[in-house]
Amino acid sequence: MIRAALIWLCLALPVSAQELPDWTATTINDFAGLLANADKQTIDQALIALQGETGSQGTVVTLADRARYGGSDGLEAFATRLFNDWGVGEAGRNDGFMLLVIRDDREARVELGAGYPGAADLAAQAIIEETVLPAIRAGDISGGIRDGTLAIIADIARPHAAGMGFDGPVDRPDLMDWLSRVVFFGVFGLIGFNILRKTWQRFQLGRQPCPSCGGAGLVQESEIIQPSDGTGRASQVIWTRCRRCNWTSPRSEGRPISRRSSRGGRGGGFGGGRSSGGGASGRW
């Protein structure tokens, strides 16, 4: 009896003793390094837009393997545990999703929040089989993750947020191309706008006379003040300086900058959403 209990305890240790990976960002956690930079940017912007426009939250995760995180209970159970540990999505809606790709185990899964109907599982299976796995098998794992994420957004997350049903898989190639173009040009448009805006602001500030010496040449500077009390929050301090006489304006506190603390507390990024195991899986 004692021997049986010891054997059971040893078998259970890999699952319970090894910690799940901790998230570093709410949109992408590419722990296995599978994503190209351009695809990261596309996915990140698409997920940010989804949450901003609908309130739905999605995340993409890549891992080298499950074993190091106690994933001996299988892909589906592991994905559900990871989803619930992070709390993907909003607690009151449970409409978050996670696209999980595990390199060495050659597995991919779409994990859906508990708020999605069972029909969404069929749409997730179609995305795995028709979008994610074909690209991975063709050697484009980054593209498969990118297009899979965009497909989940277009076929599952947005229709659900709009109160639409799931009638089955839709023809996505043109839609994926359109979404990729919109995200690509939108990202570079925003970057260009911000560059022009900041350049204009610096130009206007440089023309203003210094209150001390009266000469032109004011500049704005900032620095990050690290917390000394261990709260995990830093502040950005911004002030104006004259390049001629080194006059400076009184320092003004900018907005606090959040820095994620350790594994305690799941707030500050994800919203405490839950999954009951819905979704779809596949292997390559």
C-alpha atoms as a PDB file:
ATOM      1  CA  MET A   1       0.000   0.000   0.000  1.00  0.00           C
ATOM      2  CA  ILE A   2       2.796   2.404   0.959  1.00  0.00           C
ATOM      3  CA  ARG A   3       4.761   1.470  -2.167  1.00  0.00           C
ATOM      4  CA  ALA A   4       1.721   2.172  -4.352  1.00  0.00           C
ATOM      5  CA  ALA A   5       1.254   5.560  -2.710  1.00  0.00           C
ATOM      6  CA  LEU A   6       4.912   6.453  -3.269  1.00  0.00           C
ATOM      7  CA  ILE A   7       4.711   5.449  -6.933  1.00  0.00           C
ATOM      8  CA  TRP A   8       1.572   7.558  -7.410  1.00  0.00           C
ATOM      9  CA  LEU A   9       3.268  10.527  -5.711  1.00  0.00           C
ATOM     10  CA  CYS A  10       6.334  10.259  -7.961  1.00  0.00           C
ATOM     11  CA  LEU A  11       4.173  10.136 -11.060  1.00  0.00           C
ATOM     12  CA  ALA A  12       2.191  13.173  -9.937  1.00  0.00           C
ATOM     13  CA  LEU A  13       5.227  15.320  -9.136  1.00  0.00           C
ATOM     14  CA  PRO A  14       6.113  16.314 -12.738  1.00  0.00           C
ATOM     15  CA  VAL A  15       2.671  17.832 -13.217  1.00  0.00           C
ATOM     16  CA  SER A  16       2.283  19.572  -9.874  1.00  0.00           C
ATOM     17  CA  ALA A  17       5.853  20.577  -8.998  1.00  0.00           C
ATOM     18  CA  GLN A  18       6.895  22.204 -12.255  1.00  0.00           C
ATOM     19  CA  GLU A  19       5.592  25.712 -12.733  1.00  0.00           C
ATOM     20  CA  LEU A  20       3.742  26.798 -15.806  1.00  0.00           C
ATOM     21  CA  PRO A  21       5.498  29.486 -17.858  1.00  0.00           C
ATOM     22  CA  ASP A  22       4.771  33.022 -16.768  1.00  0.00           C
ATOM     23  CA  TRP A  23       3.580  35.494 -19.376  1.00  0.00           C
ATOM     24  CA  THR A  24       5.686  38.513 -20.295  1.00  0.00           C
ATOM     25  CA  ALA A  25       3.147  40.173 -22.632  1.00  0.00           C
ATOM     26  CA  THR A  26      -0.575  39.710 -23.099  1.00  0.00           C
ATOM     27  CA  THR A  27      -0.470  39.405 -26.890  1.00  0.00           C
ATOM     28  CA  ILE A  28       2.598  37.282 -27.752  1.00  0.00           C
ATOM     29  CA  ASN A  29       4.840  35.025 -25.680  1.00  0.00           C
ATOM     30  CA  ASP A  30       7.210  33.496 -28.232  1.00  0.00           C
ATOM     31  CA  PHE A  31       9.221  31.402 -25.783  1.00  0.00           C
ATOM     32  CA  ALA A  32      10.372  28.995 -28.522  1.00  0.00           C
ATOM     33  CA  GLY A  33      11.474  31.796 -30.881  1.00  0.00           C
ATOM     34  CA  LEU A  34       9.308  30.630 -33.787  1.00  0.00           C
ATOM     35  CA  LEU A  35       7.953  33.971 -35.014  1.00  0.00           C
ATOM     36  CA  ALA A  36       9.554  36.336 -37.523  1.00  0.00           C
ATOM     37  CA  ASN A  37       9.637  39.965 -36.406  1.00  0.00           C
ATOM     38  CA  ALA A  38       7.232  41.090 -39.128  1.00  0.00           C
ATOM     39  CA  ASP A  39       4.727  38.395 -38.129  1.00  0.00           C
ATOM     40  CA  LYS A  40       5.055  39.378 -34.476  1.00  0.00           C
ATOM     41  CA  GLN A  41       4.158  42.925 -35.378  1.00  0.00           C
ATOM     42  CA  THR A  42       1.169  41.822 -37.465  1.00  0.00           C
ATOM     43  CA  ILE A  43      -0.155  39.556 -34.708  1.00  0.00           C
ATOM     44  CA  ASP A  44       0.443  42.116 -31.973  1.00  0.00           C
ATOM     45  CA  GLN A  45      -1.411  44.876 -33.795  1.00  0.00           C
ATOM     46  CA  ALA A  46      -4.297  42.574 -34.744  1.00  0.00           C
ATOM     47  CA  LEU A  47      -4.775  41.422 -31.141  1.00  0.00           C
ATOM     48  CA  ILE A  48      -4.539  44.968 -29.806  1.00  0.00           C
ATOM     49  CA  ALA A  49      -7.147  46.096 -32.346  1.00  0.00           C
ATOM     50  CA  LEU A  50      -9.419  43.177 -31.429  1.00  0.00           C
ATOM     51  CA  GLN A  51      -9.369  44.027 -27.744  1.00  0.00           C
ATOM     52  CA  GLY A  52      -9.725  47.738 -28.343  1.00  0.00           C
ATOM     53  CA  GLU A  53     -12.714  47.340 -30.664  1.00  0.00           C
ATOM     54  CA  THR A  54     -14.564  44.393 -29.097  1.00  0.00           C
ATOM     55  CA  GLY A  55     -13.137  43.840 -25.618  1.00  0.00           C
ATOM     56  CA  SER A  56     -12.143  40.283 -26.570  1.00  0.00           C
ATOM     57  CA  GLN A  57      -8.627  39.220 -25.642  1.00  0.00           C
ATOM     58  CA  GLY A  58      -6.393  36.774 -27.492  1.00  0.00           C
ATOM     59  CA  THR A  59      -2.841  35.586 -26.934  1.00  0.00           C
ATOM     60  CA  VAL A  60      -0.263  33.564 -28.880  1.00  0.00           C
ATOM     61  CA  VAL A  61       2.145  31.227 -27.092  1.00  0.00           C
ATOM     62  CA  THR A  62       5.021  29.125 -28.439  1.00  0.00           C
ATOM     63  CA  LEU A  63       6.920  26.617 -26.311  1.00  0.00           C
ATOM     64  CA  ALA A  64       9.800  24.258 -26.966  1.00  0.00           C
ATOM     65  CA  ASP A  65       8.015  21.371 -25.214  1.00  0.00           C
ATOM     66  CA  ARG A  66       5.452  20.562 -22.538  1.00  0.00           C
ATOM     67  CA  ALA A  67       7.607  18.287 -20.393  1.00  0.00           C
ATOM     68  CA  ARG A  68       9.555  21.050 -18.664  1.00  0.00           C
ATOM     69  CA  TYR A  69       6.262  22.579 -17.473  1.00  0.00           C
ATOM     70  CA  GLY A  70       4.698  19.378 -16.177  1.00  0.00           C
ATOM     71  CA  GLY A  71       2.653  18.783 -19.313  1.00  0.00           C
ATOM     72  CA  SER A  72       2.511  15.003 -19.049  1.00  0.00           C
ATOM     73  CA  ASP A  73      -1.278  15.160 -18.782  1.00  0.00           C
ATOM     74  CA  GLY A  74      -1.625  15.821 -22.521  1.00  0.00           C
ATOM     75  CA  LEU A  75      -1.933  18.839 -24.792  1.00  0.00           C
ATOM     76  CA  GLU A  76      -5.593  19.638 -24.123  1.00  0.00           C
ATOM     77  CA  ALA A  77      -5.323  19.518 -20.327  1.00  0.00           C
ATOM     78  CA  PHE A  78      -2.044  21.457 -20.404  1.00  0.00           C
ATOM     79  CA  ALA A  79      -3.507  24.205 -22.620  1.00  0.00           C
ATOM     80  CA  THR A  80      -6.539  24.573 -20.355  1.00  0.00           C
ATOM     81  CA  ARG A  81      -4.338  24.812 -17.249  1.00  0.00           C
ATOM     82  CA  LEU A  82      -2.104  27.421 -18.875  1.00  0.00           C
ATOM     83  CA  PHE A  83      -5.107  29.433 -20.115  1.00  0.00           C
ATOM     84  CA  ASN A  84      -6.718  29.454 -16.661  1.00  0.00           C
ATOM     85  CA  ASP A  85      -3.440  30.116 -14.852  1.00  0.00           C
ATOM     86  CA  TRP A  86      -2.935  33.260 -16.907  1.00  0.00           C
ATOM     87  CA  GLY A  87      -6.640  34.180 -16.876  1.00  0.00           C
ATOM     88  CA  VAL A  88      -6.922  35.004 -20.586  1.00  0.00           C
ATOM     89  CA  GLY A  89      -9.933  37.210 -21.384  1.00  0.00           C
ATOM     90  CA  GLU A  90     -12.369  39.049 -19.153  1.00  0.00           C
ATOM     91  CA  ALA A  91     -13.833  37.156 -16.206  1.00  0.00           C
ATOM     92  CA  GLY A  92     -17.401  38.271 -16.878  1.00  0.00           C
ATOM     93  CA  ARG A  93     -17.288  37.309 -20.566  1.00  0.00           C
ATOM     94  CA  ASN A  94     -14.842  34.394 -20.824  1.00  0.00           C
ATOM     95  CA  ASP A  95     -14.374  35.077 -24.535  1.00  0.00           C
ATOM     96  CA  GLY A  96     -10.579  35.002 -24.649  1.00  0.00           C
ATOM     97  CA  PHE A  97      -8.575  32.639 -26.826  1.00  0.00           C
ATOM     98  CA  MET A  98      -5.074  31.197 -26.909  1.00  0.00           C
ATOM     99  CA  LEU A  99      -3.162  29.831 -29.899  1.00  0.00           C
ATOM    100  CA  LEU A 100      -0.544  27.470 -28.481  1.00  0.00           C
ATOM    101  CA  VAL A 101       2.198  25.949 -30.670  1.00  0.00           C
ATOM    102  CA  ILE A 102       4.712  23.498 -29.170  1.00  0.00           C
ATOM    103  CA  ARG A 103       7.761  22.966 -31.365  1.00  0.00           C
ATOM    104  CA  ASP A 104       9.372  19.718 -30.196  1.00  0.00           C
ATOM    105  CA  ASP A 105       6.059  17.988 -29.472  1.00  0.00           C
ATOM    106  CA  ARG A 106       4.839  19.079 -32.935  1.00  0.00           C
ATOM    107  CA  GLU A 107       1.479  20.177 -31.561  1.00  0.00           C
ATOM    108  CA  ALA A 108      -0.838  23.130 -32.035  1.00  0.00           C
ATOM    109  CA  ARG A 109      -4.020  24.038 -30.196  1.00  0.00           C
ATOM    110  CA  VAL A 110      -6.653  26.749 -30.170  1.00  0.00           C
ATOM    111  CA  GLU A 111      -7.947  27.047 -26.594  1.00  0.00           C
ATOM    112  CA  LEU A 112     -11.234  28.928 -26.273  1.00  0.00           C
ATOM    113  CA  GLY A 113     -12.773  30.643 -23.272  1.00  0.00           C
ATOM    114  CA  ALA A 114     -15.783  29.097 -21.556  1.00  0.00           C
ATOM    115  CA  GLY A 115     -18.078  31.751 -23.032  1.00  0.00           C
ATOM    116  CA  TYR A 116     -17.865  30.358 -26.578  1.00  0.00           C
ATOM    117  CA  PRO A 117     -20.542  27.909 -27.766  1.00  0.00           C
ATOM    118  CA  GLY A 118     -19.675  24.380 -28.828  1.00  0.00           C
ATOM    119  CA  ALA A 119     -20.018  25.354 -32.496  1.00  0.00           C
ATOM    120  CA  ALA A 120     -16.924  27.534 -32.114  1.00  0.00           C
ATOM    121  CA  ASP A 121     -14.899  24.343 -31.608  1.00  0.00           C
ATOM    122  CA  LEU A 122     -15.713  23.330 -35.200  1.00  0.00           C
ATOM    123  CA  ALA A 123     -14.486  26.682 -36.488  1.00  0.00           C
ATOM    124  CA  ALA A 124     -11.316  26.267 -34.422  1.00  0.00           C
ATOM    125  CA  GLN A 125     -10.752  22.779 -35.862  1.00  0.00           C
ATOM    126  CA  ALA A 126     -11.103  24.148 -39.390  1.00  0.00           C
ATOM    127  CA  ILE A 127      -8.504  26.827 -38.642  1.00  0.00           C
ATOM    128  CA  ILE A 128      -6.057  24.263 -37.248  1.00  0.00           C
ATOM    129  CA  GLU A 129      -6.497  21.856 -40.164  1.00  0.00           C
ATOM    130  CA  GLU A 130      -6.813  24.330 -43.044  1.00  0.00           C
ATOM    131  CA  THR A 131      -4.626  27.269 -42.007  1.00  0.00           C
ATOM    132  CA  VAL A 132      -2.137  26.475 -39.238  1.00  0.00           C
ATOM    133  CA  LEU A 133      -0.949  22.931 -39.982  1.00  0.00           C
ATOM    134  CA  PRO A 134      -0.588  23.213 -43.801  1.00  0.00           C
ATOM    135  CA  ALA A 135       1.734  26.214 -43.430  1.00  0.00           C
ATOM    136  CA  ILE A 136       3.783  24.517 -40.712  1.00  0.00           C
ATOM    137  CA  ARG A 137       4.129  21.331 -42.775  1.00  0.00           C
ATOM    138  CA  ALA A 138       5.308  23.482 -45.677  1.00  0.00           C
ATOM    139  CA  GLY A 139       8.074  24.902 -43.484  1.00  0.00           C
ATOM    140  CA  ASP A 140       6.454  28.261 -42.701  1.00  0.00           C
ATOM    141  CA  ILE A 141       5.702  27.900 -39.002  1.00  0.00           C
ATOM    142  CA  SER A 142       5.750  31.657 -38.421  1.00  0.00           C
ATOM    143  CA  GLY A 143       3.298  32.248 -41.253  1.00  0.00           C
ATOM    144  CA  GLY A 144       1.040  29.472 -39.988  1.00  0.00           C
ATOM    145  CA  ILE A 145       0.868  31.052 -36.541  1.00  0.00           C
ATOM    146  CA  ARG A 146       0.252  34.491 -38.054  1.00  0.00           C
ATOM    147  CA  ASP A 147      -2.515  33.370 -40.410  1.00  0.00           C
ATOM    148  CA  GLY A 148      -4.020  31.131 -37.741  1.00  0.00           C
ATOM    149  CA  THR A 149      -4.267  34.059 -35.346  1.00  0.00           C
ATOM    150  CA  LEU A 150      -5.882  36.281 -37.968  1.00  0.00           C
ATOM    151  CA  ALA A 151      -8.322  33.483 -38.808  1.00  0.00           C
ATOM    152  CA  ILE A 152      -9.333  33.038 -35.163  1.00  0.00           C
ATOM    153  CA  ILE A 153      -9.964  36.770 -34.927  1.00  0.00           C
ATOM    154  CA  ALA A 154     -11.984  36.873 -38.159  1.00  0.00           C
ATOM    155  CA  ASP A 155     -13.904  33.587 -37.833  1.00  0.00           C
ATOM    156  CA  ILE A 156     -14.404  33.195 -34.085  1.00  0.00           C
ATOM    157  CA  ALA A 157     -13.607  36.184 -31.858  1.00  0.00           C
ATOM    158  CA  ARG A 158     -15.203  38.986 -33.873  1.00  0.00           C
ATOM    159  CA  PRO A 159     -18.368  37.057 -34.871  1.00  0.00           C
ATOM    160  CA  HIS A 160     -18.890  36.018 -31.243  1.00  0.00           C
ATOM    161  CA  ALA A 161     -18.388  39.583 -29.995  1.00  0.00           C
ATOM    162  CA  ALA A 162     -20.954  40.762 -32.562  1.00  0.00           C
ATOM    163  CA  GLY A 163     -23.486  38.142 -31.449  1.00  0.00           C
ATOM    164  CA  MET A 164     -23.226  36.145 -34.675  1.00  0.00           C
ATOM    165  CA  GLY A 165     -23.436  32.354 -34.891  1.00  0.00           C
ATOM    166  CA  PHE A 166     -20.929  29.869 -36.253  1.00  0.00           C
ATOM    167  CA  ASP A 167     -22.218  28.281 -39.445  1.00  0.00           C
ATOM    168  CA  GLY A 168     -18.973  26.509 -40.263  1.00  0.00           C
ATOM    169  CA  PRO A 169     -15.660  27.338 -41.899  1.00  0.00           C
ATOM    170  CA  VAL A 170     -15.539  30.196 -44.371  1.00  0.00           C
ATOM    171  CA  ASP A 171     -13.324  30.829 -47.366  1.00  0.00           C
ATOM    172  CA  ARG A 172     -10.447  32.807 -45.860  1.00  0.00           C
ATOM    173  CA  PRO A 173      -7.575  33.332 -48.329  1.00  0.00           C
ATOM    174  CA  ASP A 174      -8.813  36.691 -49.634  1.00  0.00           C
ATOM    175  CA  LEU A 175      -9.823  37.768 -46.151  1.00  0.00           C
ATOM    176  CA  MET A 176      -6.425  36.860 -44.729  1.00  0.00           C
ATOM    177  CA  ASP A 177      -4.678  38.821 -47.461  1.00  0.00           C
ATOM    178  CA  TRP A 178      -6.927  41.819 -46.838  1.00  0.00           C
ATOM    179  CA  LEU A 179      -6.421  41.686 -43.066  1.00  0.00           C
ATOM    180  CA  SER A 180      -2.657  41.375 -43.460  1.00  0.00           C
ATOM    181  CA  ARG A 181      -2.567  44.413 -45.742  1.00  0.00           C
ATOM    182  CA  VAL A 182      -4.758  46.478 -43.405  1.00  0.00           C
ATOM    183  CA  VAL A 183      -2.607  45.646 -40.386  1.00  0.00           C
ATOM    184  CA  PHE A 184       0.662  46.173 -42.305  1.00  0.00           C
ATOM    185  CA  PHE A 185      -0.241  49.593 -43.702  1.00  0.00           C
ATOM    186  CA  GLY A 186      -1.975  50.597 -40.466  1.00  0.00           C
ATOM    187  CA  VAL A 187       1.149  49.879 -38.420  1.00  0.00           C
ATOM    188  CA  PHE A 188       3.468  51.835 -40.697  1.00  0.00           C
ATOM    189  CA  GLY A 189       0.907  54.625 -40.997  1.00  0.00           C
ATOM    190  CA  LEU A 190       0.821  55.016 -37.215  1.00  0.00           C
ATOM    191  CA  ILE A 191       4.609  54.913 -37.005  1.00  0.00           C
ATOM    192  CA  GLY A 192       4.922  57.600 -39.681  1.00  0.00           C
ATOM    193  CA  PHE A 193       2.269  59.776 -38.029  1.00  0.00           C
ATOM    194  CA  ASN A 194       3.991  59.571 -34.634  1.00  0.00           C
ATOM    195  CA  ILE A 195       7.367  60.461 -36.159  1.00  0.00           C
ATOM    196  CA  LEU A 196       5.905  63.512 -37.904  1.00  0.00           C
ATOM    197  CA  ARG A 197       3.983  64.578 -34.797  1.00  0.00           C
ATOM    198  CA  LYS A 198       7.044  64.383 -32.543  1.00  0.00           C
ATOM    199  CA  THR A 199       9.218  66.173 -35.116  1.00  0.00           C
ATOM    200  CA  TRP A 200       6.680  69.009 -35.340  1.00  0.00           C
ATOM    201  CA  GLN A 201       6.444  69.258 -31.541  1.00  0.00           C
ATOM    202  CA  ARG A 202      10.237  69.499 -31.234  1.00  0.00           C
ATOM    203  CA  PHE A 203      10.319  72.156 -33.965  1.00  0.00           C
ATOM    204  CA  GLN A 204       7.641  74.256 -32.252  1.00  0.00           C
ATOM    205  CA  LEU A 205       9.313  73.947 -28.845  1.00  0.00           C
ATOM    206  CA  GLY A 206      12.707  74.906 -30.300  1.00  0.00           C
ATOM    207  CA  ARG A 207      11.261  78.206 -31.590  1.00  0.00           C
ATOM    208  CA  GLN A 208       9.946  79.283 -28.189  1.00  0.00           C
ATOM    209  CA  PRO A 209      12.099  81.788 -26.225  1.00  0.00           C
ATOM    210  CA  CYS A 210      13.751  80.658 -23.018  1.00  0.00           C
ATOM    211  CA  PRO A 211      12.125  82.310 -19.941  1.00  0.00           C
ATOM    212  CA  SER A 212      15.613  82.880 -18.508  1.00  0.00           C
ATOM    213  CA  CYS A 213      17.888  84.036 -21.348  1.00  0.00           C
ATOM    214  CA  GLY A 214      15.310  84.767 -24.041  1.00  0.00           C
ATOM    215  CA  GLY A 215      17.111  82.704 -26.653  1.00  0.00           C
ATOM    216  CA  ALA A 216      15.557  79.996 -28.777  1.00  0.00           C
ATOM    217  CA  GLY A 217      16.509  76.368 -28.363  1.00  0.00           C
ATOM    218  CA  LEU A 218      14.246  74.734 -25.783  1.00  0.00           C
ATOM    219  CA  VAL A 219      14.211  70.940 -25.685  1.00  0.00           C
ATOM    220  CA  GLN A 220      12.115  68.436 -23.775  1.00  0.00           C
ATOM    221  CA  GLU A 221      13.816  65.611 -21.913  1.00  0.00           C
ATOM    222  CA  SER A 222      12.614  62.692 -19.839  1.00  0.00           C
ATOM    223  CA  GLU A 223      13.893  59.891 -17.667  1.00  0.00           C
ATOM    224  CA  ILE A 224      12.490  56.834 -15.917  1.00  0.00           C
ATOM    225  CA  ILE A 225      12.590  56.933 -12.121  1.00  0.00           C
ATOM    226  CA  GLN A 226      12.821  53.413 -10.736  1.00  0.00           C
ATOM    227  CA  PRO A 227      10.807  52.671  -7.583  1.00  0.00           C
ATOM    228  CA  SER A 228      12.718  52.249  -4.336  1.00  0.00           C
ATOM    229  CA  ASP A 229       9.888  50.684  -2.342  1.00  0.00           C
ATOM    230  CA  GLY A 230       9.596  47.438  -4.312  1.00  0.00           C
ATOM    231  CA  THR A 231       6.115  48.244  -5.633  1.00  0.00           C
ATOM    232  CA  GLY A 232       7.071  47.336  -9.184  1.00  0.00           C
ATOM    233  CA  ARG A 233       5.956  50.709 -10.636  1.00  0.00           C
ATOM    234  CA  ALA A 234       8.179  53.348 -12.183  1.00  0.00           C
ATOM    235  CA  SER A 235       7.412  56.965 -13.078  1.00  0.00           C
ATOM    236  CA  GLN A 236       8.357  58.922 -16.167  1.00  0.00           C
ATOM    237  CA  VAL A 237       9.628  62.420 -15.335  1.00  0.00           C
ATOM    238  CA  ILE A 238       9.462  65.053 -18.097  1.00  0.00           C
ATOM    239  CA  TRP A 239      10.888  68.589 -18.069  1.00  0.00           C
ATOM    240  CA  THR A 240      11.962  71.379 -20.445  1.00  0.00           C
ATOM    241  CA  ARG A 241      15.596  72.565 -20.726  1.00  0.00           C
ATOM    242  CA  CYS A 242      17.317  75.454 -22.522  1.00  0.00           C
ATOM    243  CA  ARG A 243      20.370  74.402 -24.505  1.00  0.00           C
ATOM    244  CA  ARG A 244      21.854  77.917 -24.233  1.00  0.00           C
ATOM    245  CA  CYS A 245      21.771  78.604 -20.484  1.00  0.00           C
ATOM    246  CA  ASN A 246      20.716  75.202 -19.091  1.00  0.00           C
ATOM    247  CA  TRP A 247      17.549  76.638 -17.517  1.00  0.00           C
ATOM    248  CA  THR A 248      15.113  73.874 -16.628  1.00  0.00           C
ATOM    249  CA  SER A 249      11.446  73.978 -15.793  1.00  0.00           C
ATOM    250  CA  PRO A 250      10.143  72.371 -12.601  1.00  0.00           C
ATOM    251  CA  ARG A 251       9.979  68.628 -13.066  1.00  0.00           C
ATOM    252  CA  SER A 252       6.542  67.226 -13.742  1.00  0.00           C
ATOM    253  CA  GLU A 253       5.515  63.665 -13.080  1.00  0.00           C
ATOM    254  CA  GLY A 254       4.415  61.776 -16.159  1.00  0.00           C
ATOM    255  CA  ARG A 255       2.081  58.793 -16.067  1.00  0.00           C
ATOM    256  CA  PRO A 256       3.142  55.797 -13.954  1.00  0.00           C
ATOM    257  CA  ILE A 257       4.732  52.984 -15.937  1.00  0.00           C
ATOM    258  CA  SER A 258       3.539  49.534 -14.915  1.00  0.00           C
ATOM    259  CA  ARG A 259       6.085  46.777 -14.545  1.00  0.00           C
ATOM    260  CA  ARG A 260       4.820  43.269 -14.043  1.00  0.00           C
ATOM    261  CA  SER A 261       5.528  41.737 -10.685  1.00  0.00           C
ATOM    262  CA  SER A 262       6.220  38.061 -10.088  1.00  0.00           C
ATOM    263  CA  ARG A 263       3.658  35.279 -10.310  1.00  0.00           C
ATOM    264  CA  GLY A 264       1.444  36.575  -7.548  1.00  0.00           C
ATOM    265  CA  GLY A 265      -1.625  38.448  -8.786  1.00  0.00           C
ATOM    266  CA  ARG A 266      -3.073  37.928 -12.226  1.00  0.00           C
ATOM    267  CA  GLY A 267      -4.288  41.471 -12.677  1.00  0.00           C
ATOM    268  CA  GLY A 268      -2.582  44.149 -14.732  1.00  0.00           C
ATOM    269  CA  GLY A 269      -2.804  42.381 -18.068  1.00  0.00           C
ATOM    270  CA  PHE A 270      -5.213  39.505 -18.425  1.00  0.00           C
ATOM    271  CA  GLY A 271      -8.714  39.815 -17.014  1.00  0.00           C
ATOM    272  CA  GLY A 272      -9.224  36.561 -15.135  1.00  0.00           C
ATOM    273  CA  GLY A 273     -11.006  34.672 -17.923  1.00  0.00           C
ATOM    274  CA  ARG A 274     -11.534  30.917 -17.801  1.00  0.00           C
ATOM    275  CA  SER A 275     -11.680  27.998 -20.217  1.00  0.00           C
ATOM    276  CA  SER A 276     -13.629  24.782 -19.760  1.00  0.00           C
ATOM    277  CA  GLY A 277     -11.502  22.949 -22.325  1.00  0.00           C
ATOM    278  CA  GLY A 278     -13.153  24.064 -25.554  1.00  0.00           C
ATOM    279  CA  GLY A 279     -11.158  24.469 -28.747  1.00  0.00           C
ATOM    280  CA  ALA A 280      -9.310  22.222 -31.185  1.00  0.00           C
ATOM    281  CA  SER A 281      -5.911  20.555 -31.575  1.00  0.00           C
ATOM    282  CA  GLY A 282      -3.684  19.134 -34.282  1.00  0.00           C
ATOM    283  CA  ARG A 283      -0.227  17.663 -34.911  1.00  0.00           C
ATOM    284  CA  TRP A 284       2.253  17.886 -37.751  1.00  0.00           C
END
